N, C-alpha and C. Protein backbone atom coordinates (compact mmCIF):
# COMPACT_ATOMS: atom_id res chain seq x y z
N PRO A 1 -1.06 2.18 26.60
CA PRO A 1 0.55 1.98 26.20
C PRO A 1 1.44 1.35 25.89
N ILE A 2 2.42 1.23 24.33
CA ILE A 2 3.05 0.28 24.64
C ILE A 2 4.79 0.45 25.18
N LYS A 3 4.81 -0.34 26.44
CA LYS A 3 6.13 -0.24 27.03
C LYS A 3 7.43 -0.35 26.16
N GLY A 4 8.33 0.26 26.44
CA GLY A 4 9.52 0.11 25.58
C GLY A 4 9.77 0.95 24.49
N PHE A 5 8.60 1.41 24.31
CA PHE A 5 8.46 2.17 22.69
C PHE A 5 8.04 3.59 23.04
N GLY A 6 7.42 3.78 24.13
CA GLY A 6 6.38 4.98 24.60
C GLY A 6 5.83 5.25 22.93
N GLY A 7 4.87 4.62 22.36
CA GLY A 7 3.85 5.18 21.57
C GLY A 7 2.10 4.54 22.39
N VAL A 8 1.14 4.87 21.50
CA VAL A 8 0.27 4.59 22.28
C VAL A 8 -0.42 4.22 20.82
N CYS A 9 -1.54 2.79 21.00
CA CYS A 9 -2.23 2.55 20.07
C CYS A 9 -3.23 3.28 19.43
N GLN A 10 -2.96 3.37 18.03
CA GLN A 10 -3.82 4.59 17.58
C GLN A 10 -5.88 4.06 17.62
N GLY A 11 -5.43 2.39 18.29
CA GLY A 11 -6.83 2.05 17.59
C GLY A 11 -6.96 0.80 16.80
N ALA A 12 -8.00 0.17 16.20
CA ALA A 12 -8.39 -0.33 15.41
C ALA A 12 -8.82 0.12 13.89
N SER A 13 -8.93 1.78 13.91
CA SER A 13 -9.68 2.19 13.03
C SER A 13 -8.61 2.02 11.66
N SER A 14 -7.36 2.15 11.72
CA SER A 14 -6.23 2.28 10.81
C SER A 14 -6.67 0.85 10.52
N LEU A 15 -6.18 -0.13 10.67
CA LEU A 15 -6.80 -1.67 9.96
C LEU A 15 -7.61 -1.75 9.82
N MET A 16 -8.52 -1.71 10.05
CA MET A 16 -10.07 -1.26 9.55
C MET A 16 -9.95 -0.68 7.98
N LYS A 17 -9.53 -0.08 8.02
CA LYS A 17 -9.65 1.19 6.40
C LYS A 17 -8.83 0.38 5.79
N LEU A 18 -7.53 0.20 6.08
CA LEU A 18 -6.74 -0.95 5.52
C LEU A 18 -7.19 -1.99 4.60
N HIS A 19 -8.50 -2.56 4.93
CA HIS A 19 -8.97 -3.90 4.74
C HIS A 19 -9.99 -3.44 3.66
N SER A 20 -10.65 -2.26 4.20
CA SER A 20 -11.36 -1.72 2.86
C SER A 20 -10.95 -1.45 2.03
N GLU A 21 -9.94 -0.37 2.06
CA GLU A 21 -8.80 -0.15 0.61
C GLU A 21 -8.42 -1.29 -0.08
N ILE A 22 -8.10 -2.55 0.79
CA ILE A 22 -7.79 -3.55 -0.12
C ILE A 22 -8.77 -4.32 -0.55
N LYS A 23 -9.83 -4.71 -0.09
CA LYS A 23 -11.10 -5.12 -0.67
C LYS A 23 -11.69 -4.13 -2.06
N GLN A 24 -11.60 -3.14 -1.63
CA GLN A 24 -11.64 -2.29 -3.29
C GLN A 24 -10.92 -2.51 -4.57
N LEU A 25 -9.87 -2.63 -3.69
CA LEU A 25 -9.00 -2.53 -4.88
C LEU A 25 -8.90 -4.19 -5.29
N LEU A 26 -9.26 -5.41 -4.88
CA LEU A 26 -9.27 -6.51 -5.26
C LEU A 26 -10.76 -7.10 -5.86
N ASN A 27 -11.60 -6.36 -5.41
CA ASN A 27 -13.29 -7.13 -5.73
C ASN A 27 -12.97 -6.49 -7.16
N PRO A 28 -12.85 -5.98 -7.47
CA PRO A 28 -13.16 -5.37 -9.38
C PRO A 28 -12.53 -6.82 -10.00
N GLN A 29 -11.06 -7.05 -9.33
CA GLN A 29 -10.35 -8.43 -10.03
C GLN A 29 -10.90 -9.29 -9.90
N ILE A 30 -11.86 -9.77 -9.23
CA ILE A 30 -12.16 -11.11 -8.77
C ILE A 30 -12.24 -11.91 -10.09
N GLY A 31 -11.53 -13.28 -9.99
CA GLY A 31 -12.00 -14.23 -11.31
C GLY A 31 -10.57 -13.52 -12.57
N THR A 32 -9.73 -12.75 -11.79
CA THR A 32 -8.51 -12.02 -13.20
C THR A 32 -7.40 -12.57 -12.58
N LEU A 33 -6.26 -12.68 -13.45
CA LEU A 33 -4.97 -12.84 -12.63
C LEU A 33 -4.54 -11.67 -11.95
N ILE A 34 -4.18 -11.54 -10.79
CA ILE A 34 -3.32 -10.40 -10.07
C ILE A 34 -2.02 -9.47 -11.08
N SER A 35 -2.14 -8.35 -11.20
CA SER A 35 -1.03 -7.27 -11.69
C SER A 35 -0.23 -6.75 -11.02
N VAL A 36 0.78 -7.08 -11.71
CA VAL A 36 2.46 -5.89 -11.04
C VAL A 36 1.68 -4.99 -9.94
N SER A 37 0.79 -4.09 -10.57
CA SER A 37 0.36 -2.76 -9.79
C SER A 37 -0.23 -3.16 -8.73
N THR A 38 -1.28 -4.22 -8.61
CA THR A 38 -2.43 -4.79 -7.31
C THR A 38 -1.42 -4.85 -6.48
N ILE A 39 -0.15 -5.78 -6.73
CA ILE A 39 0.65 -6.71 -5.99
C ILE A 39 1.14 -5.22 -5.00
N VAL A 40 1.80 -4.38 -5.83
CA VAL A 40 2.77 -2.89 -5.19
C VAL A 40 1.70 -2.01 -4.43
N ASP A 41 0.47 -2.00 -4.92
CA ASP A 41 -0.61 -1.25 -3.95
C ASP A 41 -0.90 -1.74 -3.00
N ILE A 42 -1.24 -2.87 -2.55
CA ILE A 42 -1.25 -3.72 -1.70
C ILE A 42 -0.13 -3.66 -0.82
N MET A 43 0.84 -3.75 -0.95
CA MET A 43 2.12 -3.17 -0.14
C MET A 43 2.43 -2.34 0.30
N ASN A 44 2.11 -1.37 -0.39
CA ASN A 44 1.98 0.33 -0.33
C ASN A 44 0.78 0.55 0.92
N MET A 45 -0.26 0.02 0.21
CA MET A 45 -1.16 0.25 1.50
C MET A 45 -0.87 0.01 3.33
N ILE A 46 -0.40 -1.41 3.40
CA ILE A 46 0.37 -1.94 4.09
C ILE A 46 1.17 -1.23 4.86
N GLY A 47 2.13 -0.42 4.19
CA GLY A 47 3.53 0.43 4.40
C GLY A 47 2.80 1.74 4.91
N LYS A 48 1.70 2.04 4.28
CA LYS A 48 1.04 3.78 5.21
C LYS A 48 0.51 3.47 6.29
N CYS A 49 -0.34 2.05 6.10
CA CYS A 49 -1.28 1.55 7.35
C CYS A 49 -0.13 1.46 8.86
N VAL A 50 1.22 1.27 8.62
CA VAL A 50 2.34 1.08 9.86
C VAL A 50 2.64 2.78 9.85
N VAL A 51 2.39 3.11 11.13
CA VAL A 51 2.70 4.38 11.23
C VAL A 51 2.93 4.36 12.73
N SER A 52 3.90 5.54 13.10
CA SER A 52 4.18 5.78 14.49
C SER A 52 4.33 7.09 14.77
N GLY A 53 3.58 7.45 15.53
CA GLY A 53 3.63 9.30 15.90
C GLY A 53 3.34 9.79 14.49
N ASN A 54 2.44 9.46 13.42
CA ASN A 54 1.71 10.07 12.51
C ASN A 54 2.84 10.21 11.57
N VAL A 55 4.18 9.09 11.61
CA VAL A 55 5.13 9.20 10.51
C VAL A 55 5.02 7.86 9.96
N ARG A 56 5.38 7.44 8.86
CA ARG A 56 5.35 5.83 8.34
C ARG A 56 6.43 5.81 8.49
N ARG A 57 6.48 4.36 9.40
CA ARG A 57 7.24 3.73 9.38
C ARG A 57 7.97 2.15 9.03
N SER A 58 7.72 2.39 7.55
CA SER A 58 8.26 0.92 6.50
C SER A 58 9.21 1.73 5.51
N ALA A 59 9.60 0.83 4.75
CA ALA A 59 10.48 0.93 3.86
C ALA A 59 10.67 -0.25 3.09
N GLU A 60 10.12 -0.48 1.85
CA GLU A 60 9.98 -1.49 1.27
C GLU A 60 10.48 -1.21 -0.15
N ILE A 61 10.64 -2.23 -1.03
CA ILE A 61 11.26 -2.42 -2.32
C ILE A 61 10.91 -3.29 -3.76
N ALA A 62 10.00 -2.84 -4.19
CA ALA A 62 9.83 -3.98 -5.14
C ALA A 62 10.49 -4.10 -6.52
N PHE A 63 10.59 -5.71 -6.64
CA PHE A 63 11.80 -5.71 -8.30
C PHE A 63 10.80 -6.33 -9.11
N GLY A 64 10.69 -5.76 -10.11
CA GLY A 64 10.35 -6.27 -11.32
C GLY A 64 11.03 -6.60 -12.47
N ASP A 65 10.09 -7.14 -13.52
CA ASP A 65 11.07 -7.00 -14.92
C ASP A 65 10.99 -5.70 -15.31
N PRO A 66 12.60 -5.35 -15.57
CA PRO A 66 12.57 -4.27 -16.50
C PRO A 66 11.84 -3.70 -17.60
N LEU A 67 11.85 -4.62 -18.15
CA LEU A 67 10.70 -4.36 -20.05
C LEU A 67 9.56 -4.41 -19.48
N ASP A 68 8.97 -4.50 -17.90
CA ASP A 68 7.49 -4.53 -18.34
C ASP A 68 6.87 -2.95 -17.94
N ASP A 69 6.24 -2.49 -19.46
CA ASP A 69 5.89 -1.32 -19.00
C ASP A 69 5.10 -1.01 -17.51
N GLU A 70 3.69 -2.08 -17.33
CA GLU A 70 3.37 -1.65 -15.84
C GLU A 70 4.18 -1.51 -15.30
N TYR A 71 5.46 -2.38 -14.40
CA TYR A 71 6.71 -1.51 -13.67
C TYR A 71 7.12 -0.68 -13.86
N ILE A 72 7.53 -0.22 -15.06
CA ILE A 72 8.18 0.81 -15.21
C ILE A 72 7.45 2.12 -14.87
N ASP A 73 5.80 1.79 -14.94
CA ASP A 73 5.20 3.22 -14.93
C ASP A 73 4.61 3.10 -13.52
N LEU A 74 5.20 2.10 -12.57
CA LEU A 74 4.63 2.72 -11.21
C LEU A 74 4.26 3.77 -10.70
N LYS A 75 5.50 4.66 -10.58
CA LYS A 75 5.68 5.92 -9.70
C LYS A 75 5.37 6.86 -10.90
N ASN A 76 4.95 6.68 -12.19
CA ASN A 76 4.19 8.22 -12.93
C ASN A 76 2.76 8.01 -12.84
N TYR A 77 2.65 8.90 -12.20
CA TYR A 77 1.34 9.24 -11.46
C TYR A 77 0.43 10.43 -12.66
N GLU A 78 1.11 11.15 -13.46
CA GLU A 78 0.28 11.21 -14.68
C GLU A 78 -0.56 9.99 -15.13
N LYS A 79 0.01 8.73 -15.75
CA LYS A 79 -0.37 7.70 -15.87
C LYS A 79 -1.55 6.61 -14.99
N ASN A 80 -0.84 6.90 -13.68
CA ASN A 80 -1.52 6.27 -12.63
C ASN A 80 -1.91 7.47 -11.21
N PRO A 81 -2.58 8.24 -11.73
CA PRO A 81 -2.72 9.27 -10.55
C PRO A 81 -3.15 8.54 -8.89
N HIS A 82 -4.06 7.88 -9.25
CA HIS A 82 -5.30 7.04 -8.52
C HIS A 82 -3.67 6.56 -7.31
N ARG A 83 -2.33 6.20 -7.77
CA ARG A 83 -1.23 5.50 -6.85
C ARG A 83 -1.13 6.74 -5.87
N MET A 84 -0.94 8.07 -6.27
CA MET A 84 -0.09 9.27 -5.31
C MET A 84 -0.51 8.67 -4.01
N ALA A 85 -1.92 9.11 -3.24
CA ALA A 85 -2.23 8.61 -2.47
C ALA A 85 -1.37 7.45 -1.33
N TYR A 86 -0.54 6.65 -1.99
CA TYR A 86 -0.08 5.28 -1.31
C TYR A 86 1.06 5.21 -2.44
N GLY A 87 1.68 5.40 -3.26
CA GLY A 87 2.42 4.66 -3.59
C GLY A 87 3.41 5.08 -3.69
C-alpha cells in the first residue's frame, strides 16, 4: 500500500505496456524526424498509464502551430482513428 494516499500499486504491467506501445510507435520512425503527432501520442500514452483507482490522473495541454494541419487534426479521429485509444 502507498501510505498517505490509500492506493495500491497495480504492479509493473501498465509500465511494461507503456514501454511496448512507445516502442511500437517509434520503431517504424527510426531515421526520420519526430513528428508533432508522435510527440503528442507519447504524452498521451504516458497520461493513460498514470492511473489511480482505474481513473486517469493526468491533465495535459499540447501547444502547436495553429497553421499546422497535422497539429490541427490531432483530435480528428476520422483522419487519425488509431489515436482514439489514447488521444
